[in-house]
Amino acid sequence: MFIRWQMNMSPMTGKDCPFCHPDDSRIIFQDTRAYAVFDAYPVNPGHMLVIPFEHEPDVLLLPDDTRASIDRILSKCRDHLDEEFNPDGFNIGVNIGRPAGQTIMHAHVHLIPRYLGDVDDPRGGVRGVIPQRRDYG
């Protein structure tokens, strides 16, 4: 299983990875291990990405201190979005591998503000990635 999953990952290297060379003017928060930007293709107003500087495709394979950094920055992003966008809720999402929808093979975490009425029925939240399995009642 692990070998099959690895074959679905792109051979992208830090040299050609857009997340390895962020535009400093787009960075909202950062520390020595990670940074946050607004998503270039937001699904909702305020959609942000938290991205480690380290080029690793799988967020779960990042060192513990880098994942802790991502968590701290996510909290700062949430506070910022609460103040600037006043959302009604949030989804946090990670795609790992092409079958999961990952298009840039550099770990990143989506923080997506949610607003009442942005979809007809939000029940199931992230379960909606497989629409026929979203409902569980």
N, C-alpha and C. Protein backbone atom coordinates (compact mmCIF):
# COMPACT_ATOMS: atom_id res chain seq x y z
N MET A 1 0.83 -1.20 0.00
CA MET A 1 0.00 0.00 0.00
C MET A 1 0.87 1.26 0.00
N PHE A 2 1.86 1.30 0.85
CA PHE A 2 2.72 2.48 0.93
C PHE A 2 3.43 2.74 -0.38
N ILE A 3 3.94 1.69 -1.03
CA ILE A 3 4.64 1.87 -2.30
C ILE A 3 3.70 2.42 -3.36
N ARG A 4 2.47 1.90 -3.42
CA ARG A 4 1.49 2.40 -4.39
C ARG A 4 1.22 3.88 -4.14
N TRP A 5 1.08 4.27 -2.87
CA TRP A 5 0.83 5.66 -2.54
C TRP A 5 1.99 6.54 -2.98
N GLN A 6 3.22 6.08 -2.76
CA GLN A 6 4.39 6.87 -3.15
C GLN A 6 4.40 7.12 -4.66
N MET A 7 3.96 6.16 -5.44
CA MET A 7 3.98 6.33 -6.89
C MET A 7 3.00 7.40 -7.33
N ASN A 8 2.03 7.74 -6.49
CA ASN A 8 1.07 8.77 -6.82
C ASN A 8 1.58 10.17 -6.48
N MET A 9 2.73 10.25 -5.87
CA MET A 9 3.31 11.53 -5.52
C MET A 9 4.19 12.02 -6.67
N SER A 10 4.16 13.30 -6.92
CA SER A 10 4.93 13.90 -7.99
C SER A 10 6.41 13.95 -7.62
N PRO A 11 7.29 13.85 -8.62
CA PRO A 11 8.71 13.99 -8.32
C PRO A 11 9.15 15.45 -8.14
N MET A 12 8.19 16.36 -7.97
CA MET A 12 8.50 17.78 -7.82
C MET A 12 9.58 17.96 -6.75
N THR A 13 10.51 18.80 -7.04
CA THR A 13 11.56 19.12 -6.08
C THR A 13 11.40 20.55 -5.62
N GLY A 14 12.17 20.92 -4.62
CA GLY A 14 12.13 22.28 -4.12
C GLY A 14 12.43 23.31 -5.19
N LYS A 15 13.20 22.93 -6.18
CA LYS A 15 13.58 23.86 -7.24
C LYS A 15 12.39 24.34 -8.05
N ASP A 16 11.45 23.44 -8.35
CA ASP A 16 10.30 23.82 -9.17
C ASP A 16 8.99 23.88 -8.38
N CYS A 17 9.07 23.89 -7.08
CA CYS A 17 7.88 23.91 -6.22
C CYS A 17 7.47 25.35 -5.89
N PRO A 18 6.23 25.74 -6.21
CA PRO A 18 5.82 27.11 -5.90
C PRO A 18 5.75 27.42 -4.41
N PHE A 19 5.57 26.41 -3.57
CA PHE A 19 5.49 26.65 -2.13
C PHE A 19 6.86 26.77 -1.49
N CYS A 20 7.91 26.31 -2.16
CA CYS A 20 9.26 26.44 -1.62
C CYS A 20 9.83 27.84 -1.77
N HIS A 21 9.21 28.62 -2.65
CA HIS A 21 9.71 29.97 -2.94
C HIS A 21 8.55 30.95 -2.86
N PRO A 22 8.01 31.18 -1.65
CA PRO A 22 6.84 32.05 -1.54
C PRO A 22 7.18 33.50 -1.84
N ASP A 23 6.18 34.20 -2.33
CA ASP A 23 6.27 35.64 -2.54
C ASP A 23 6.10 36.29 -1.16
N ASP A 24 7.15 36.90 -0.66
CA ASP A 24 7.11 37.49 0.69
C ASP A 24 5.95 38.45 0.88
N SER A 25 5.52 39.12 -0.18
CA SER A 25 4.43 40.09 -0.05
C SER A 25 3.08 39.40 0.21
N ARG A 26 2.97 38.11 -0.03
CA ARG A 26 1.72 37.38 0.20
C ARG A 26 1.65 36.75 1.59
N ILE A 27 2.77 36.67 2.29
CA ILE A 27 2.81 36.00 3.59
C ILE A 27 2.09 36.83 4.65
N ILE A 28 1.13 36.20 5.32
CA ILE A 28 0.35 36.87 6.37
C ILE A 28 0.98 36.62 7.74
N PHE A 29 1.35 35.37 8.01
CA PHE A 29 2.03 34.98 9.25
C PHE A 29 3.15 34.03 8.89
N GLN A 30 4.21 34.03 9.70
CA GLN A 30 5.28 33.05 9.51
C GLN A 30 6.11 32.93 10.76
N ASP A 31 6.81 31.81 10.85
CA ASP A 31 7.87 31.64 11.83
C ASP A 31 9.01 30.97 11.08
N THR A 32 9.93 30.33 11.77
CA THR A 32 11.08 29.75 11.09
C THR A 32 10.74 28.47 10.33
N ARG A 33 9.59 27.86 10.62
CA ARG A 33 9.26 26.56 10.03
C ARG A 33 8.10 26.58 9.04
N ALA A 34 7.22 27.58 9.11
CA ALA A 34 6.03 27.57 8.26
C ALA A 34 5.52 28.99 8.04
N TYR A 35 4.61 29.11 7.09
CA TYR A 35 4.04 30.42 6.79
C TYR A 35 2.59 30.25 6.33
N ALA A 36 1.85 31.35 6.35
CA ALA A 36 0.45 31.34 5.92
C ALA A 36 0.23 32.39 4.84
N VAL A 37 -0.58 32.01 3.85
CA VAL A 37 -0.98 32.91 2.78
C VAL A 37 -2.47 32.69 2.50
N PHE A 38 -3.08 33.65 1.83
CA PHE A 38 -4.43 33.43 1.33
C PHE A 38 -4.32 32.53 0.10
N ASP A 39 -5.24 31.60 -0.02
CA ASP A 39 -5.25 30.67 -1.15
C ASP A 39 -5.47 31.46 -2.44
N ALA A 40 -4.69 31.14 -3.46
CA ALA A 40 -4.83 31.82 -4.76
C ALA A 40 -6.14 31.46 -5.46
N TYR A 41 -6.74 30.35 -5.09
CA TYR A 41 -8.01 29.89 -5.68
C TYR A 41 -8.98 29.56 -4.54
N PRO A 42 -9.43 30.58 -3.81
CA PRO A 42 -10.22 30.33 -2.61
C PRO A 42 -11.59 29.73 -2.90
N VAL A 43 -12.02 28.81 -2.05
CA VAL A 43 -13.36 28.27 -2.16
C VAL A 43 -14.37 29.13 -1.40
N ASN A 44 -13.88 29.96 -0.51
CA ASN A 44 -14.71 30.92 0.24
C ASN A 44 -13.83 32.12 0.58
N PRO A 45 -14.42 33.29 0.81
CA PRO A 45 -13.62 34.45 1.22
C PRO A 45 -12.82 34.14 2.49
N GLY A 46 -11.52 34.43 2.44
CA GLY A 46 -10.64 34.23 3.58
C GLY A 46 -9.90 32.90 3.59
N HIS A 47 -10.15 32.04 2.62
CA HIS A 47 -9.49 30.72 2.55
C HIS A 47 -7.98 30.91 2.62
N MET A 48 -7.35 30.25 3.60
CA MET A 48 -5.90 30.38 3.80
C MET A 48 -5.22 29.02 3.71
N LEU A 49 -3.93 29.06 3.44
CA LEU A 49 -3.06 27.89 3.44
C LEU A 49 -1.96 28.11 4.46
N VAL A 50 -1.65 27.07 5.22
CA VAL A 50 -0.48 27.10 6.10
C VAL A 50 0.49 26.07 5.53
N ILE A 51 1.71 26.53 5.25
CA ILE A 51 2.66 25.76 4.46
C ILE A 51 4.01 25.70 5.17
N PRO A 52 4.57 24.51 5.33
CA PRO A 52 5.91 24.43 5.91
C PRO A 52 6.95 24.89 4.88
N PHE A 53 8.05 25.44 5.35
CA PHE A 53 9.13 25.78 4.43
C PHE A 53 9.80 24.51 3.90
N GLU A 54 9.82 23.48 4.71
CA GLU A 54 10.43 22.21 4.31
C GLU A 54 9.64 21.57 3.18
N HIS A 55 10.35 21.12 2.16
CA HIS A 55 9.69 20.46 1.02
C HIS A 55 9.46 18.99 1.34
N GLU A 56 8.25 18.70 1.80
CA GLU A 56 7.81 17.33 2.10
C GLU A 56 6.37 17.23 1.62
N PRO A 57 6.03 16.29 0.76
CA PRO A 57 4.66 16.20 0.25
C PRO A 57 3.60 15.83 1.29
N ASP A 58 3.96 15.06 2.30
CA ASP A 58 2.99 14.51 3.24
C ASP A 58 3.08 15.23 4.59
N VAL A 59 2.04 15.94 4.95
CA VAL A 59 2.05 16.70 6.20
C VAL A 59 2.28 15.79 7.42
N LEU A 60 1.87 14.53 7.33
CA LEU A 60 2.04 13.61 8.46
C LEU A 60 3.47 13.11 8.61
N LEU A 61 4.31 13.35 7.61
CA LEU A 61 5.72 12.96 7.70
C LEU A 61 6.63 14.11 8.11
N LEU A 62 6.04 15.27 8.36
CA LEU A 62 6.84 16.42 8.81
C LEU A 62 7.30 16.19 10.25
N PRO A 63 8.44 16.77 10.62
CA PRO A 63 8.90 16.67 12.01
C PRO A 63 7.87 17.26 12.97
N ASP A 64 7.84 16.75 14.19
CA ASP A 64 6.88 17.21 15.19
C ASP A 64 6.93 18.73 15.40
N ASP A 65 8.13 19.30 15.43
CA ASP A 65 8.22 20.74 15.67
C ASP A 65 7.64 21.54 14.50
N THR A 66 7.72 21.03 13.29
CA THR A 66 7.12 21.71 12.15
C THR A 66 5.60 21.61 12.21
N ARG A 67 5.10 20.45 12.59
CA ARG A 67 3.64 20.30 12.72
C ARG A 67 3.12 21.18 13.85
N ALA A 68 3.89 21.33 14.92
CA ALA A 68 3.48 22.22 16.01
C ALA A 68 3.45 23.67 15.52
N SER A 69 4.40 24.03 14.69
CA SER A 69 4.44 25.36 14.12
C SER A 69 3.19 25.61 13.25
N ILE A 70 2.84 24.62 12.45
CA ILE A 70 1.65 24.72 11.61
C ILE A 70 0.41 24.94 12.49
N ASP A 71 0.32 24.21 13.58
CA ASP A 71 -0.82 24.38 14.50
C ASP A 71 -0.87 25.79 15.08
N ARG A 72 0.28 26.31 15.49
CA ARG A 72 0.31 27.67 16.05
C ARG A 72 -0.13 28.69 15.01
N ILE A 73 0.36 28.53 13.79
CA ILE A 73 0.00 29.48 12.73
C ILE A 73 -1.48 29.34 12.37
N LEU A 74 -2.01 28.12 12.36
CA LEU A 74 -3.45 27.93 12.12
C LEU A 74 -4.27 28.72 13.13
N SER A 75 -3.86 28.71 14.37
CA SER A 75 -4.58 29.46 15.41
C SER A 75 -4.54 30.96 15.14
N LYS A 76 -3.38 31.46 14.73
CA LYS A 76 -3.27 32.88 14.39
C LYS A 76 -4.16 33.22 13.20
N CYS A 77 -4.18 32.32 12.22
CA CYS A 77 -5.02 32.54 11.04
C CYS A 77 -6.49 32.59 11.43
N ARG A 78 -6.90 31.66 12.28
CA ARG A 78 -8.30 31.65 12.72
C ARG A 78 -8.65 32.97 13.40
N ASP A 79 -7.80 33.45 14.30
CA ASP A 79 -8.06 34.73 14.97
C ASP A 79 -8.17 35.86 13.96
N HIS A 80 -7.27 35.86 12.98
CA HIS A 80 -7.28 36.89 11.94
C HIS A 80 -8.57 36.82 11.13
N LEU A 81 -8.96 35.62 10.74
CA LEU A 81 -10.18 35.46 9.93
C LEU A 81 -11.42 35.83 10.74
N ASP A 82 -11.45 35.48 12.02
CA ASP A 82 -12.58 35.88 12.87
C ASP A 82 -12.74 37.39 12.88
N GLU A 83 -11.62 38.08 12.98
CA GLU A 83 -11.65 39.54 13.05
C GLU A 83 -11.96 40.19 11.70
N GLU A 84 -11.36 39.69 10.64
CA GLU A 84 -11.48 40.33 9.33
C GLU A 84 -12.67 39.86 8.48
N PHE A 85 -13.09 38.59 8.65
CA PHE A 85 -14.12 38.02 7.78
C PHE A 85 -15.39 37.58 8.53
N ASN A 86 -15.29 37.45 9.85
CA ASN A 86 -16.42 37.07 10.68
C ASN A 86 -17.17 35.83 10.17
N PRO A 87 -16.46 34.72 9.95
CA PRO A 87 -17.13 33.50 9.47
C PRO A 87 -17.97 32.86 10.58
N ASP A 88 -18.84 31.95 10.17
CA ASP A 88 -19.69 31.24 11.11
C ASP A 88 -19.09 29.90 11.54
N GLY A 89 -18.07 29.44 10.85
CA GLY A 89 -17.42 28.18 11.16
C GLY A 89 -16.17 28.02 10.32
N PHE A 90 -15.52 26.87 10.44
CA PHE A 90 -14.29 26.59 9.69
C PHE A 90 -14.23 25.12 9.30
N ASN A 91 -13.57 24.85 8.18
CA ASN A 91 -13.10 23.51 7.85
C ASN A 91 -11.59 23.59 7.78
N ILE A 92 -10.92 22.57 8.31
CA ILE A 92 -9.47 22.43 8.17
C ILE A 92 -9.27 21.16 7.37
N GLY A 93 -8.48 21.25 6.29
CA GLY A 93 -8.31 20.09 5.45
C GLY A 93 -6.90 19.91 4.94
N VAL A 94 -6.54 18.65 4.73
CA VAL A 94 -5.25 18.28 4.19
C VAL A 94 -5.48 17.21 3.13
N ASN A 95 -4.89 17.37 1.97
CA ASN A 95 -4.93 16.37 0.92
C ASN A 95 -3.55 15.74 0.85
N ILE A 96 -3.48 14.42 0.91
CA ILE A 96 -2.20 13.73 0.84
C ILE A 96 -2.26 12.74 -0.31
N GLY A 97 -1.55 13.04 -1.38
CA GLY A 97 -1.52 12.18 -2.56
C GLY A 97 -2.56 12.57 -3.60
N ARG A 98 -2.28 12.25 -4.84
CA ARG A 98 -3.20 12.58 -5.93
C ARG A 98 -4.60 11.99 -5.76
N PRO A 99 -4.74 10.73 -5.28
CA PRO A 99 -6.09 10.20 -5.10
C PRO A 99 -6.92 11.00 -4.09
N ALA A 100 -6.27 11.72 -3.20
CA ALA A 100 -6.97 12.55 -2.22
C ALA A 100 -7.16 13.98 -2.72
N GLY A 101 -6.70 14.26 -3.93
CA GLY A 101 -6.89 15.58 -4.51
C GLY A 101 -5.71 16.53 -4.39
N GLN A 102 -4.58 16.07 -3.89
CA GLN A 102 -3.41 16.94 -3.76
C GLN A 102 -2.88 17.27 -5.15
N THR A 103 -2.73 18.56 -5.44
CA THR A 103 -2.22 18.97 -6.76
C THR A 103 -0.82 19.56 -6.68
N ILE A 104 -0.46 20.15 -5.56
CA ILE A 104 0.91 20.62 -5.35
C ILE A 104 1.52 19.70 -4.30
N MET A 105 2.55 18.98 -4.70
CA MET A 105 3.12 17.95 -3.84
C MET A 105 4.11 18.53 -2.83
N HIS A 106 3.59 19.46 -2.06
CA HIS A 106 4.29 20.09 -0.95
C HIS A 106 3.21 20.18 0.13
N ALA A 107 3.48 19.66 1.30
CA ALA A 107 2.49 19.66 2.37
C ALA A 107 1.90 21.05 2.58
N HIS A 108 0.60 21.11 2.80
CA HIS A 108 -0.06 22.36 3.16
C HIS A 108 -1.41 22.03 3.78
N VAL A 109 -1.87 22.93 4.64
CA VAL A 109 -3.12 22.77 5.36
C VAL A 109 -4.05 23.90 4.95
N HIS A 110 -5.27 23.52 4.56
CA HIS A 110 -6.29 24.51 4.20
C HIS A 110 -7.08 24.91 5.43
N LEU A 111 -7.28 26.19 5.62
CA LEU A 111 -8.20 26.71 6.62
C LEU A 111 -9.28 27.47 5.84
N ILE A 112 -10.46 26.89 5.82
CA ILE A 112 -11.53 27.42 4.99
C ILE A 112 -12.64 27.98 5.88
N PRO A 113 -12.84 29.29 5.84
CA PRO A 113 -13.96 29.87 6.59
C PRO A 113 -15.28 29.41 5.97
N ARG A 114 -16.25 29.17 6.82
CA ARG A 114 -17.57 28.75 6.37
C ARG A 114 -18.59 29.79 6.82
N TYR A 115 -19.57 30.01 5.97
CA TYR A 115 -20.59 31.02 6.21
C TYR A 115 -21.97 30.39 6.09
N LEU A 116 -22.88 30.78 6.99
CA LEU A 116 -24.25 30.28 6.90
C LEU A 116 -24.77 30.51 5.49
N GLY A 117 -25.27 29.45 4.86
CA GLY A 117 -25.83 29.56 3.52
C GLY A 117 -24.83 29.40 2.39
N ASP A 118 -23.53 29.17 2.68
CA ASP A 118 -22.57 29.03 1.58
C ASP A 118 -22.80 27.74 0.79
N VAL A 119 -23.43 26.74 1.41
CA VAL A 119 -23.93 25.55 0.72
C VAL A 119 -25.32 25.26 1.30
N ASP A 120 -26.13 24.56 0.54
CA ASP A 120 -27.49 24.29 0.99
C ASP A 120 -27.54 23.47 2.28
N ASP A 121 -26.71 22.44 2.37
CA ASP A 121 -26.73 21.56 3.53
C ASP A 121 -25.31 21.18 3.90
N PRO A 122 -24.72 21.86 4.90
CA PRO A 122 -23.32 21.59 5.24
C PRO A 122 -23.09 20.35 6.10
N ARG A 123 -24.17 19.66 6.51
CA ARG A 123 -23.99 18.50 7.38
C ARG A 123 -23.01 17.50 6.77
N GLY A 124 -22.15 16.97 7.60
CA GLY A 124 -21.15 16.01 7.14
C GLY A 124 -19.80 16.65 6.87
N GLY A 125 -19.78 17.96 6.68
CA GLY A 125 -18.53 18.71 6.51
C GLY A 125 -17.55 18.07 5.57
N VAL A 126 -16.36 17.74 6.08
CA VAL A 126 -15.30 17.19 5.25
C VAL A 126 -15.65 15.81 4.69
N ARG A 127 -16.65 15.17 5.28
CA ARG A 127 -17.11 13.88 4.71
C ARG A 127 -17.62 14.07 3.29
N GLY A 128 -17.93 15.30 2.91
CA GLY A 128 -18.46 15.59 1.59
C GLY A 128 -17.47 15.37 0.45
N VAL A 129 -16.22 15.04 0.77
CA VAL A 129 -15.26 14.75 -0.31
C VAL A 129 -15.70 13.52 -1.09
N ILE A 130 -16.48 12.66 -0.47
CA ILE A 130 -17.13 11.54 -1.17
C ILE A 130 -18.62 11.76 -0.95
N PRO A 131 -19.27 12.49 -1.87
CA PRO A 131 -20.64 12.96 -1.66
C PRO A 131 -21.63 11.87 -1.22
N GLN A 132 -21.58 10.69 -1.79
CA GLN A 132 -22.55 9.65 -1.45
C GLN A 132 -22.34 9.11 -0.03
N ARG A 133 -21.23 9.47 0.61
CA ARG A 133 -20.98 9.00 1.98
C ARG A 133 -21.05 10.13 3.00
N ARG A 134 -21.47 11.31 2.56
CA ARG A 134 -21.52 12.46 3.46
C ARG A 134 -22.54 12.25 4.58
N ASP A 135 -23.70 11.74 4.24
CA ASP A 135 -24.74 11.51 5.23
C ASP A 135 -24.47 10.21 5.99
N TYR A 136 -24.61 10.25 7.28
CA TYR A 136 -24.33 9.07 8.09
C TYR A 136 -25.43 8.81 9.11
N GLY A 137 -26.62 9.29 8.85
CA GLY A 137 -27.69 9.16 9.83
C GLY A 137 -28.68 8.11 9.57
